[in-house]
PDB file of N, CA and C in Angstrom:
ATOM      1  N   UNK A   1       0.631 -74.425  -7.741  1.00  0.00           N
ATOM      2  CA  UNK A   1      -0.184 -75.516  -6.996  1.00  0.00           C
ATOM      3  C   UNK A   1      -0.712 -74.963  -5.884  1.00  0.00           C
ATOM      4  N   UNK A   2      -1.815 -75.609  -5.406  1.00  0.00           N
ATOM      5  CA  UNK A   2      -2.461 -75.122  -4.026  1.00  0.00           C
ATOM      6  C   UNK A   2      -3.840 -75.492  -4.231  1.00  0.00           C
ATOM      7  N   UNK A   3      -4.530 -74.962  -3.230  1.00  0.00           N
ATOM      8  CA  UNK A   3      -6.085 -75.047  -3.060  1.00  0.00           C
ATOM      9  C   UNK A   3      -6.705 -73.766  -3.156  1.00  0.00           C
ATOM     10  N   UNK A   4      -7.669 -73.672  -4.094  1.00  0.00           N
ATOM     11  CA  UNK A   4      -8.307 -72.392  -4.220  1.00  0.00           C
ATOM     12  C   UNK A   4      -9.772 -72.492  -4.256  1.00  0.00           C
ATOM     13  N   UNK A   5     -10.503 -71.729  -3.746  1.00  0.00           N
ATOM     14  CA  UNK A   5     -11.860 -71.788  -3.798  1.00  0.00           C
ATOM     15  C   UNK A   5     -12.366 -70.304  -4.070  1.00  0.00           C
ATOM     16  N   UNK A   6     -13.064 -70.267  -5.223  1.00  0.00           N
ATOM     17  CA  UNK A   6     -13.553 -68.869  -5.619  1.00  0.00           C
ATOM     18  C   UNK A   6     -14.930 -68.586  -5.569  1.00  0.00           C
ATOM     19  N   UNK A   7     -15.443 -67.584  -5.255  1.00  0.00           N
ATOM     20  CA  UNK A   7     -16.768 -67.211  -5.416  1.00  0.00           C
ATOM     21  C   UNK A   7     -17.068 -66.240  -6.578  1.00  0.00           C
ATOM     22  N   UNK A   8     -17.914 -66.504  -7.605  1.00  0.00           N
ATOM     23  CA  UNK A   8     -18.150 -65.850  -8.811  1.00  0.00           C
ATOM     24  C   UNK A   8     -19.383 -65.289  -8.896  1.00  0.00           C
ATOM     25  N   UNK A   9     -19.509 -64.157  -9.269  1.00  0.00           N
ATOM     26  CA  UNK A   9     -20.768 -63.315  -9.455  1.00  0.00           C
ATOM     27  C   UNK A   9     -21.179 -63.563 -10.789  1.00  0.00           C
ATOM     28  N   UNK A  10     -22.372 -64.157 -10.917  1.00  0.00           N
ATOM     29  CA  UNK A  10     -22.990 -64.265 -12.372  1.00  0.00           C
ATOM     30  C   UNK A  10     -23.528 -62.949 -12.909  1.00  0.00           C
ATOM     31  N   UNK A  11     -23.774 -62.135 -12.029  1.00  0.00           N
ATOM     32  CA  UNK A  11     -24.433 -60.800 -12.642  1.00  0.00           C
ATOM     33  C   UNK A  11     -23.329 -59.666 -12.579  1.00  0.00           C
ATOM     34  N   UNK A  12     -22.429 -59.861 -13.695  1.00  0.00           N
ATOM     35  CA  UNK A  12     -21.309 -58.931 -13.671  1.00  0.00           C
ATOM     36  C   UNK A  12     -21.673 -57.615 -14.024  1.00  0.00           C
ATOM     37  N   UNK A  13     -22.778 -57.318 -14.697  1.00  0.00           N
ATOM     38  CA  UNK A  13     -23.127 -55.973 -15.050  1.00  0.00           C
ATOM     39  C   UNK A  13     -23.752 -55.313 -13.732  1.00  0.00           C
ATOM     40  N   UNK A  14     -23.981 -55.776 -12.636  1.00  0.00           N
ATOM     41  CA  UNK A  14     -24.363 -55.184 -11.467  1.00  0.00           C
ATOM     42  C   UNK A  14     -23.469 -54.239 -10.747  1.00  0.00           C
ATOM     43  N   UNK A  15     -22.298 -54.003 -11.222  1.00  0.00           N
ATOM     44  CA  UNK A  15     -21.185 -53.322 -10.576  1.00  0.00           C
ATOM     45  C   UNK A  15     -20.364 -54.019  -9.738  1.00  0.00           C
ATOM     46  N   UNK A  16     -20.324 -55.324  -9.532  1.00  0.00           N
ATOM     47  CA  UNK A  16     -19.555 -55.946  -8.648  1.00  0.00           C
ATOM     48  C   UNK A  16     -18.283 -56.369  -9.302  1.00  0.00           C
ATOM     49  N   UNK A  17     -17.263 -56.743  -8.435  1.00  0.00           N
ATOM     50  CA  UNK A  17     -15.897 -57.082  -8.908  1.00  0.00           C
ATOM     51  C   UNK A  17     -15.918 -58.453  -9.569  1.00  0.00           C
ATOM     52  N   UNK A  18     -17.000 -59.359  -9.328  1.00  0.00           N
ATOM     53  CA  UNK A  18     -16.986 -60.613 -10.017  1.00  0.00           C
ATOM     54  C   UNK A  18     -16.314 -61.860  -9.392  1.00  0.00           C
ATOM     55  N   UNK A  19     -15.265 -61.655  -8.846  1.00  0.00           N
ATOM     56  CA  UNK A  19     -14.505 -62.763  -8.163  1.00  0.00           C
ATOM     57  C   UNK A  19     -14.045 -62.519  -6.841  1.00  0.00           C
ATOM     58  N   UNK A  20     -14.089 -63.343  -5.983  1.00  0.00           N
ATOM     59  CA  UNK A  20     -13.614 -63.191  -4.433  1.00  0.00           C
ATOM     60  C   UNK A  20     -13.066 -64.674  -4.233  1.00  0.00           C
ATOM     61  N   UNK A  21     -11.852 -64.537  -3.573  1.00  0.00           N
ATOM     62  CA  UNK A  21     -11.261 -65.796  -2.979  1.00  0.00           C
ATOM     63  C   UNK A  21     -11.778 -66.004  -1.804  1.00  0.00           C
ATOM     64  N   UNK A  22     -12.399 -67.351  -1.616  1.00  0.00           N
ATOM     65  CA  UNK A  22     -12.848 -67.834  -0.323  1.00  0.00           C
ATOM     66  C   UNK A  22     -11.665 -68.484   0.361  1.00  0.00           C
ATOM     67  N   UNK A  23     -10.904 -69.179  -0.417  1.00  0.00           N
ATOM     68  CA  UNK A  23      -9.769 -69.962   0.110  1.00  0.00           C
ATOM     69  C   UNK A  23      -8.653 -69.731  -0.886  1.00  0.00           C
ATOM     70  N   UNK A  24      -7.381 -69.400  -0.472  1.00  0.00           N
ATOM     71  CA  UNK A  24      -6.250 -69.255  -1.271  1.00  0.00           C
ATOM     72  C   UNK A  24      -5.107 -69.724  -0.596  1.00  0.00           C
ATOM     73  N   UNK A  25      -5.010 -71.083  -0.688  1.00  0.00           N
ATOM     74  CA  UNK A  25      -3.736 -71.638   0.117  1.00  0.00           C
ATOM     75  C   UNK A  25      -2.820 -72.149  -1.011  1.00  0.00           C
ATOM     76  N   UNK A  26      -1.658 -71.518  -1.201  1.00  0.00           N
ATOM     77  CA  UNK A  26      -0.662 -71.978  -2.237  1.00  0.00           C
ATOM     78  C   UNK A  26       0.417 -72.894  -1.488  1.00  0.00           C
ATOM     79  N   UNK A  27       0.569 -74.053  -2.072  1.00  0.00           N
ATOM     80  CA  UNK A  27       1.360 -75.001  -1.395  1.00  0.00           C
ATOM     81  C   UNK A  27       1.992 -76.007  -2.558  1.00  0.00           C
ATOM     82  N   UNK A  28       2.760 -77.003  -2.302  1.00  0.00           N
ATOM     83  CA  UNK A  28       3.265 -77.873  -3.242  1.00  0.00           C
ATOM     84  C   UNK A  28       2.669 -79.193  -3.173  1.00  0.00           C
ATOM     85  N   UNK A  29       1.540 -79.452  -2.307  1.00  0.00           N
ATOM     86  CA  UNK A  29       0.994 -80.784  -1.984  1.00  0.00           C
ATOM     87  C   UNK A  29      -0.104 -80.974  -3.113  1.00  0.00           C
ATOM     88  N   UNK A  30       0.051 -82.389  -3.470  1.00  0.00           N
ATOM     89  CA  UNK A  30      -1.201 -82.806  -4.340  1.00  0.00           C
ATOM     90  C   UNK A  30      -2.206 -83.251  -3.473  1.00  0.00           C
ATOM     91  N   UNK A  31      -3.469 -82.928  -3.981  1.00  0.00           N
ATOM     92  CA  UNK A  31      -4.779 -83.363  -3.116  1.00  0.00           C
ATOM     93  C   UNK A  31      -5.566 -84.333  -4.246  1.00  0.00           C
ATOM     94  N   UNK A  32      -6.373 -85.078  -3.492  1.00  0.00           N
ATOM     95  CA  UNK A  32      -7.166 -86.239  -4.288  1.00  0.00           C
ATOM     96  C   UNK A  32      -8.429 -86.398  -3.333  1.00  0.00           C
ATOM     97  N   UNK A  33      -9.384 -87.098  -3.974  1.00  0.00           N
ATOM     98  CA  UNK A  33     -10.682 -87.333  -3.330  1.00  0.00           C
ATOM     99  C   UNK A  33     -11.325 -86.078  -2.743  1.00  0.00           C
ATOM    100  N   UNK A  34     -11.363 -85.002  -3.490  1.00  0.00           N
ATOM    101  CA  UNK A  34     -11.733 -83.743  -3.057  1.00  0.00           C
ATOM    102  C   UNK A  34     -13.298 -83.737  -3.267  1.00  0.00           C
ATOM    103  N   UNK A  35     -13.941 -83.113  -2.308  1.00  0.00           N
ATOM    104  CA  UNK A  35     -15.436 -82.907  -2.222  1.00  0.00           C
ATOM    105  C   UNK A  35     -15.871 -81.565  -1.794  1.00  0.00           C
ATOM    106  N   UNK A  36     -17.007 -81.008  -2.361  1.00  0.00           N
ATOM    107  CA  UNK A  36     -17.421 -79.664  -1.921  1.00  0.00           C
ATOM    108  C   UNK A  36     -18.947 -79.812  -1.961  1.00  0.00           C
ATOM    109  N   UNK A  37     -19.505 -79.522  -0.838  1.00  0.00           N
ATOM    110  CA  UNK A  37     -20.984 -79.479  -0.531  1.00  0.00           C
ATOM    111  C   UNK A  37     -21.502 -78.170   0.042  1.00  0.00           C
ATOM    112  N   UNK A  38     -22.608 -77.794  -0.358  1.00  0.00           N
ATOM    113  CA  UNK A  38     -23.272 -76.568   0.149  1.00  0.00           C
ATOM    114  C   UNK A  38     -24.204 -76.966   1.206  1.00  0.00           C
ATOM    115  N   UNK A  39     -24.271 -76.086   2.340  1.00  0.00           N
ATOM    116  CA  UNK A  39     -25.195 -76.477   3.443  1.00  0.00           C
ATOM    117  C   UNK A  39     -25.946 -75.071   3.757  1.00  0.00           C
ATOM    118  N   UNK A  40     -27.183 -75.158   3.755  1.00  0.00           N
ATOM    119  CA  UNK A  40     -28.129 -73.945   4.177  1.00  0.00           C
ATOM    120  C   UNK A  40     -29.287 -74.705   4.865  1.00  0.00           C
ATOM    121  N   UNK A  41     -29.396 -74.446   6.225  1.00  0.00           N
ATOM    122  CA  UNK A  41     -30.508 -75.070   6.934  1.00  0.00           C
ATOM    123  C   UNK A  41     -31.636 -74.052   7.069  1.00  0.00           C
ATOM    124  N   UNK A  42     -32.893 -74.560   6.927  1.00  0.00           N
ATOM    125  CA  UNK A  42     -34.019 -73.717   7.041  1.00  0.00           C
ATOM    126  C   UNK A  42     -34.051 -73.013   8.489  1.00  0.00           C
ATOM    127  N   UNK A  43     -34.430 -71.838   8.452  1.00  0.00           N
ATOM    128  CA  UNK A  43     -34.477 -71.017   9.778  1.00  0.00           C
ATOM    129  C   UNK A  43     -33.224 -70.492  10.033  1.00  0.00           C
ATOM    130  N   UNK A  44     -32.109 -70.865   9.525  1.00  0.00           N
ATOM    131  CA  UNK A  44     -30.705 -70.532   9.891  1.00  0.00           C
ATOM    132  C   UNK A  44     -30.115 -69.581   8.809  1.00  0.00           C
ATOM    133  N   UNK A  45     -29.732 -68.333   9.039  1.00  0.00           N
ATOM    134  CA  UNK A  45     -29.155 -67.369   8.046  1.00  0.00           C
ATOM    135  C   UNK A  45     -27.789 -67.773   7.562  1.00  0.00           C
ATOM    136  N   UNK A  46     -27.133 -68.643   8.249  1.00  0.00           N
ATOM    137  CA  UNK A  46     -25.737 -68.777   7.757  1.00  0.00           C
ATOM    138  C   UNK A  46     -25.717 -69.673   6.651  1.00  0.00           C
ATOM    139  N   UNK A  47     -24.633 -69.529   5.628  1.00  0.00           N
ATOM    140  CA  UNK A  47     -24.518 -70.503   4.656  1.00  0.00           C
ATOM    141  C   UNK A  47     -23.138 -70.995   4.631  1.00  0.00           C
ATOM    142  N   UNK A  48     -22.921 -72.307   4.516  1.00  0.00           N
ATOM    143  CA  UNK A  48     -21.676 -72.843   4.684  1.00  0.00           C
ATOM    144  C   UNK A  48     -21.226 -73.777   3.504  1.00  0.00           C
ATOM    145  N   UNK A  49     -19.992 -74.047   3.321  1.00  0.00           N
ATOM    146  CA  UNK A  49     -19.436 -74.910   2.473  1.00  0.00           C
ATOM    147  C   UNK A  49     -18.654 -76.061   3.172  1.00  0.00           C
ATOM    148  N   UNK A  50     -18.979 -77.287   2.888  1.00  0.00           N
ATOM    149  CA  UNK A  50     -18.054 -78.323   3.464  1.00  0.00           C
ATOM    150  C   UNK A  50     -17.012 -78.844   2.434  1.00  0.00           C
ATOM    151  N   UNK A  51     -15.792 -78.715   2.714  1.00  0.00           N
ATOM    152  CA  UNK A  51     -14.724 -78.985   1.824  1.00  0.00           C
ATOM    153  C   UNK A  51     -13.888 -80.167   2.378  1.00  0.00           C
ATOM    154  N   UNK A  52     -13.741 -81.320   1.639  1.00  0.00           N
ATOM    155  CA  UNK A  52     -12.981 -82.263   2.001  1.00  0.00           C
ATOM    156  C   UNK A  52     -11.951 -82.743   1.075  1.00  0.00           C
ATOM    157  N   UNK A  53     -10.919 -83.169   1.555  1.00  0.00           N
ATOM    158  CA  UNK A  53      -9.856 -83.724   0.505  1.00  0.00           C
ATOM    159  C   UNK A  53      -8.770 -84.600   1.350  1.00  0.00           C
ATOM    160  N   UNK A  54      -7.917 -85.270   0.650  1.00  0.00           N
ATOM    161  CA  UNK A  54      -6.724 -85.945   1.328  1.00  0.00           C
ATOM    162  C   UNK A  54      -5.554 -85.427   0.652  1.00  0.00           C
ATOM    163  N   UNK A  55      -4.422 -85.365   1.407  1.00  0.00           N
ATOM    164  CA  UNK A  55      -3.171 -84.691   0.922  1.00  0.00           C
ATOM    165  C   UNK A  55      -2.107 -85.701   0.958  1.00  0.00           C
ATOM    166  N   UNK A  56      -1.209 -85.840  -0.140  1.00  0.00           N
ATOM    167  CA  UNK A  56      -0.246 -86.629  -0.371  1.00  0.00           C
ATOM    168  C   UNK A  56       1.032 -86.236   0.536  1.00  0.00           C
ATOM    169  N   UNK A  57       1.861 -87.137   0.930  1.00  0.00           N
ATOM    170  CA  UNK A  57       3.144 -86.868   1.795  1.00  0.00           C
ATOM    171  C   UNK A  57       2.773 -86.600   3.216  1.00  0.00           C
ATOM    172  N   UNK A  58       1.729 -85.903   3.539  1.00  0.00           N
ATOM    173  CA  UNK A  58       1.378 -85.716   4.892  1.00  0.00           C
ATOM    174  C   UNK A  58       0.309 -86.706   5.423  1.00  0.00           C
ATOM    175  N   UNK A  59      -0.255 -87.460   4.444  1.00  0.00           N
ATOM    176  CA  UNK A  59      -1.190 -88.614   4.601  1.00  0.00           C
ATOM    177  C   UNK A  59      -2.341 -88.134   5.583  1.00  0.00           C
ATOM    178  N   UNK A  60      -3.050 -87.092   5.244  1.00  0.00           N
ATOM    179  CA  UNK A  60      -4.112 -86.619   6.104  1.00  0.00           C
ATOM    180  C   UNK A  60      -5.420 -86.416   5.275  1.00  0.00           C
ATOM    181  N   UNK A  61      -6.536 -86.724   5.687  1.00  0.00           N
ATOM    182  CA  UNK A  61      -7.746 -86.419   5.226  1.00  0.00           C
ATOM    183  C   UNK A  61      -8.535 -85.224   6.091  1.00  0.00           C
ATOM    184  N   UNK A  62      -8.771 -84.076   5.355  1.00  0.00           N
ATOM    185  CA  UNK A  62      -9.214 -82.956   6.070  1.00  0.00           C
ATOM    186  C   UNK A  62     -10.539 -82.632   5.552  1.00  0.00           C
ATOM    187  N   UNK A  63     -11.439 -82.228   6.662  1.00  0.00           N
ATOM    188  CA  UNK A  63     -12.852 -81.717   6.392  1.00  0.00           C
ATOM    189  C   UNK A  63     -12.901 -80.371   6.987  1.00  0.00           C
ATOM    190  N   UNK A  64     -13.393 -79.422   6.187  1.00  0.00           N
ATOM    191  CA  UNK A  64     -13.538 -78.067   6.644  1.00  0.00           C
ATOM    192  C   UNK A  64     -14.884 -77.590   6.444  1.00  0.00           C
ATOM    193  N   UNK A  65     -15.513 -76.780   7.424  1.00  0.00           N
ATOM    194  CA  UNK A  65     -16.760 -76.294   7.254  1.00  0.00           C
ATOM    195  C   UNK A  65     -16.489 -74.661   7.189  1.00  0.00           C
ATOM    196  N   UNK A  66     -16.756 -74.012   6.112  1.00  0.00           N
ATOM    197  CA  UNK A  66     -16.366 -72.614   5.928  1.00  0.00           C
ATOM    198  C   UNK A  66     -17.698 -71.822   5.704  1.00  0.00           C
ATOM    199  N   UNK A  67     -17.678 -70.682   6.484  1.00  0.00           N
ATOM    200  CA  UNK A  67     -18.881 -69.759   6.354  1.00  0.00           C
ATOM    201  C   UNK A  67     -18.681 -68.841   4.966  1.00  0.00           C
ATOM    202  N   UNK A  68     -19.596 -68.915   4.234  1.00  0.00           N
ATOM    203  CA  UNK A  68     -19.473 -68.433   2.871  1.00  0.00           C
ATOM    204  C   UNK A  68     -19.164 -66.757   3.017  1.00  0.00           C
ATOM    205  N   UNK A  69     -20.138 -66.193   3.717  1.00  0.00           N
ATOM    206  CA  UNK A  69     -20.135 -64.653   3.957  1.00  0.00           C
ATOM    207  C   UNK A  69     -18.843 -64.111   4.570  1.00  0.00           C
ATOM    208  N   UNK A  70     -18.263 -64.790   5.613  1.00  0.00           N
ATOM    209  CA  UNK A  70     -17.151 -64.263   6.363  1.00  0.00           C
ATOM    210  C   UNK A  70     -15.878 -64.946   5.800  1.00  0.00           C
ATOM    211  N   UNK A  71     -15.884 -66.166   5.150  1.00  0.00           N
ATOM    212  CA  UNK A  71     -14.715 -66.820   4.728  1.00  0.00           C
ATOM    213  C   UNK A  71     -13.994 -67.426   5.853  1.00  0.00           C
ATOM    214  N   UNK A  72     -14.441 -67.541   6.901  1.00  0.00           N
ATOM    215  CA  UNK A  72     -13.879 -68.086   8.234  1.00  0.00           C
ATOM    216  C   UNK A  72     -14.209 -69.697   8.293  1.00  0.00           C
ATOM    217  N   UNK A  73     -13.119 -70.214   8.661  1.00  0.00           N
ATOM    218  CA  UNK A  73     -13.318 -71.784   9.000  1.00  0.00           C
ATOM    219  C   UNK A  73     -14.116 -71.996  10.264  1.00  0.00           C
ATOM    220  N   UNK A  74     -15.248 -72.538  10.173  1.00  0.00           N
ATOM    221  CA  UNK A  74     -15.988 -72.723  11.507  1.00  0.00           C
ATOM    222  C   UNK A  74     -15.610 -74.126  12.125  1.00  0.00           C
ATOM    223  N   UNK A  75     -15.206 -74.972  11.275  1.00  0.00           N
ATOM    224  CA  UNK A  75     -14.928 -76.404  11.953  1.00  0.00           C
ATOM    225  C   UNK A  75     -13.740 -76.919  10.935  1.00  0.00           C
ATOM    226  N   UNK A  76     -12.753 -77.553  11.662  1.00  0.00           N
ATOM    227  CA  UNK A  76     -11.698 -78.374  10.966  1.00  0.00           C
ATOM    228  C   UNK A  76     -11.426 -79.728  11.506  1.00  0.00           C
ATOM    229  N   UNK A  77     -11.299 -80.699  10.802  1.00  0.00           N
ATOM    230  CA  UNK A  77     -10.924 -81.898  11.220  1.00  0.00           C
ATOM    231  C   UNK A  77      -9.908 -82.522  10.173  1.00  0.00           C
ATOM    232  N   UNK A  78      -8.814 -83.077  10.894  1.00  0.00           N
ATOM    233  CA  UNK A  78      -7.806 -83.684  10.180  1.00  0.00           C
ATOM    234  C   UNK A  78      -7.681 -85.071  10.744  1.00  0.00           C
ATOM    235  N   UNK A  79      -7.428 -86.080   9.942  1.00  0.00           N
ATOM    236  CA  UNK A  79      -7.288 -87.486  10.428  1.00  0.00           C
ATOM    237  C   UNK A  79      -6.315 -88.226   9.423  1.00  0.00           C
ATOM    238  N   UNK A  80      -5.451 -89.254  10.132  1.00  0.00           N
ATOM    239  CA  UNK A  80      -4.566 -89.906   9.324  1.00  0.00           C
ATOM    240  C   UNK A  80      -5.314 -90.714   8.143  1.00  0.00           C
ATOM    241  N   UNK A  81      -4.802 -90.626   6.954  1.00  0.00           N
ATOM    242  CA  UNK A  81      -5.225 -91.406   5.807  1.00  0.00           C
ATOM    243  C   UNK A  81      -4.236 -91.701   4.861  1.00  0.00           C
ATOM    244  N   UNK A  82      -3.950 -92.888   4.608  1.00  0.00           N
ATOM    245  CA  UNK A  82      -3.042 -93.276   3.420  1.00  0.00           C
ATOM    246  C   UNK A  82      -3.370 -92.691   2.226  1.00  0.00           C
ATOM    247  N   UNK A  83      -2.478 -92.196   1.396  1.00  0.00           N
ATOM    248  CA  UNK A  83      -2.789 -91.728   0.138  1.00  0.00           C
ATOM    249  C   UNK A  83      -3.392 -92.757  -0.884  1.00  0.00           C
ATOM    250  N   UNK A  84      -2.971 -93.980  -0.665  1.00  0.00           N
ATOM    251  CA  UNK A  84      -3.196 -95.147  -1.634  1.00  0.00           C
ATOM    252  C   UNK A  84      -4.573 -95.645  -1.340  1.00  0.00           C
ATOM    253  N   UNK A  85      -5.160 -95.438  -0.225  1.00  0.00           N
ATOM    254  CA  UNK A  85      -6.438 -96.054   0.179  1.00  0.00           C
ATOM    255  C   UNK A  85      -7.644 -95.113  -0.171  1.00  0.00           C
ATOM    256  N   UNK A  86      -8.741 -95.612  -0.509  1.00  0.00           N
ATOM    257  CA  UNK A  86      -9.976 -94.820  -0.725  1.00  0.00           C
ATOM    258  C   UNK A  86     -10.544 -94.261   0.621  1.00  0.00           C
ATOM    259  N   UNK A  87     -11.173 -93.095   0.705  1.00  0.00           N
ATOM    260  CA  UNK A  87     -11.661 -92.537   1.757  1.00  0.00           C
ATOM    261  C   UNK A  87     -12.963 -91.797   1.378  1.00  0.00           C
ATOM    262  N   UNK A  88     -13.933 -91.971   2.433  1.00  0.00           N
ATOM    263  CA  UNK A  88     -15.240 -91.275   2.294  1.00  0.00           C
ATOM    264  C   UNK A  88     -15.465 -90.590   3.734  1.00  0.00           C
ATOM    265  N   UNK A  89     -15.975 -89.314   3.614  1.00  0.00           N
ATOM    266  CA  UNK A  89     -16.296 -88.595   5.012  1.00  0.00           C
ATOM    267  C   UNK A  89     -17.767 -88.089   4.889  1.00  0.00           C
ATOM    268  N   UNK A  90     -18.357 -87.973   6.057  1.00  0.00           N
ATOM    269  CA  UNK A  90     -19.644 -87.336   6.065  1.00  0.00           C
ATOM    270  C   UNK A  90     -19.809 -86.649   7.405  1.00  0.00           C
ATOM    271  N   UNK A  91     -20.698 -85.714   7.439  1.00  0.00           N
ATOM    272  CA  UNK A  91     -20.994 -84.992   8.735  1.00  0.00           C
ATOM    273  C   UNK A  91     -22.461 -85.267   8.998  1.00  0.00           C
ATOM    274  N   UNK A  92     -22.583 -85.341  10.398  1.00  0.00           N
ATOM    275  CA  UNK A  92     -23.948 -85.489  11.027  1.00  0.00           C
ATOM    276  C   UNK A  92     -24.587 -84.145  11.364  1.00  0.00           C
TER     277      UNK A  92
END
């Protein structure tokens, strides 16, 4: 169990390895209400993923902004959220 985000190369015959882990967090927590969004702004060379999910037992809702090229977390936000209640997050 855990949270895994993979980058897959669709052009496997180009000599690339094909798969790269962007996130590989192994844990025993269940997650729910997961969301994945791609962000690329015009005029900006950075490409980001916005990942959000809620975790059972620790009762948190987490939002991460991850730079695709470096794999680094550029922004992280955690907030208290009951597992039983629905949640929706958005970034401005």
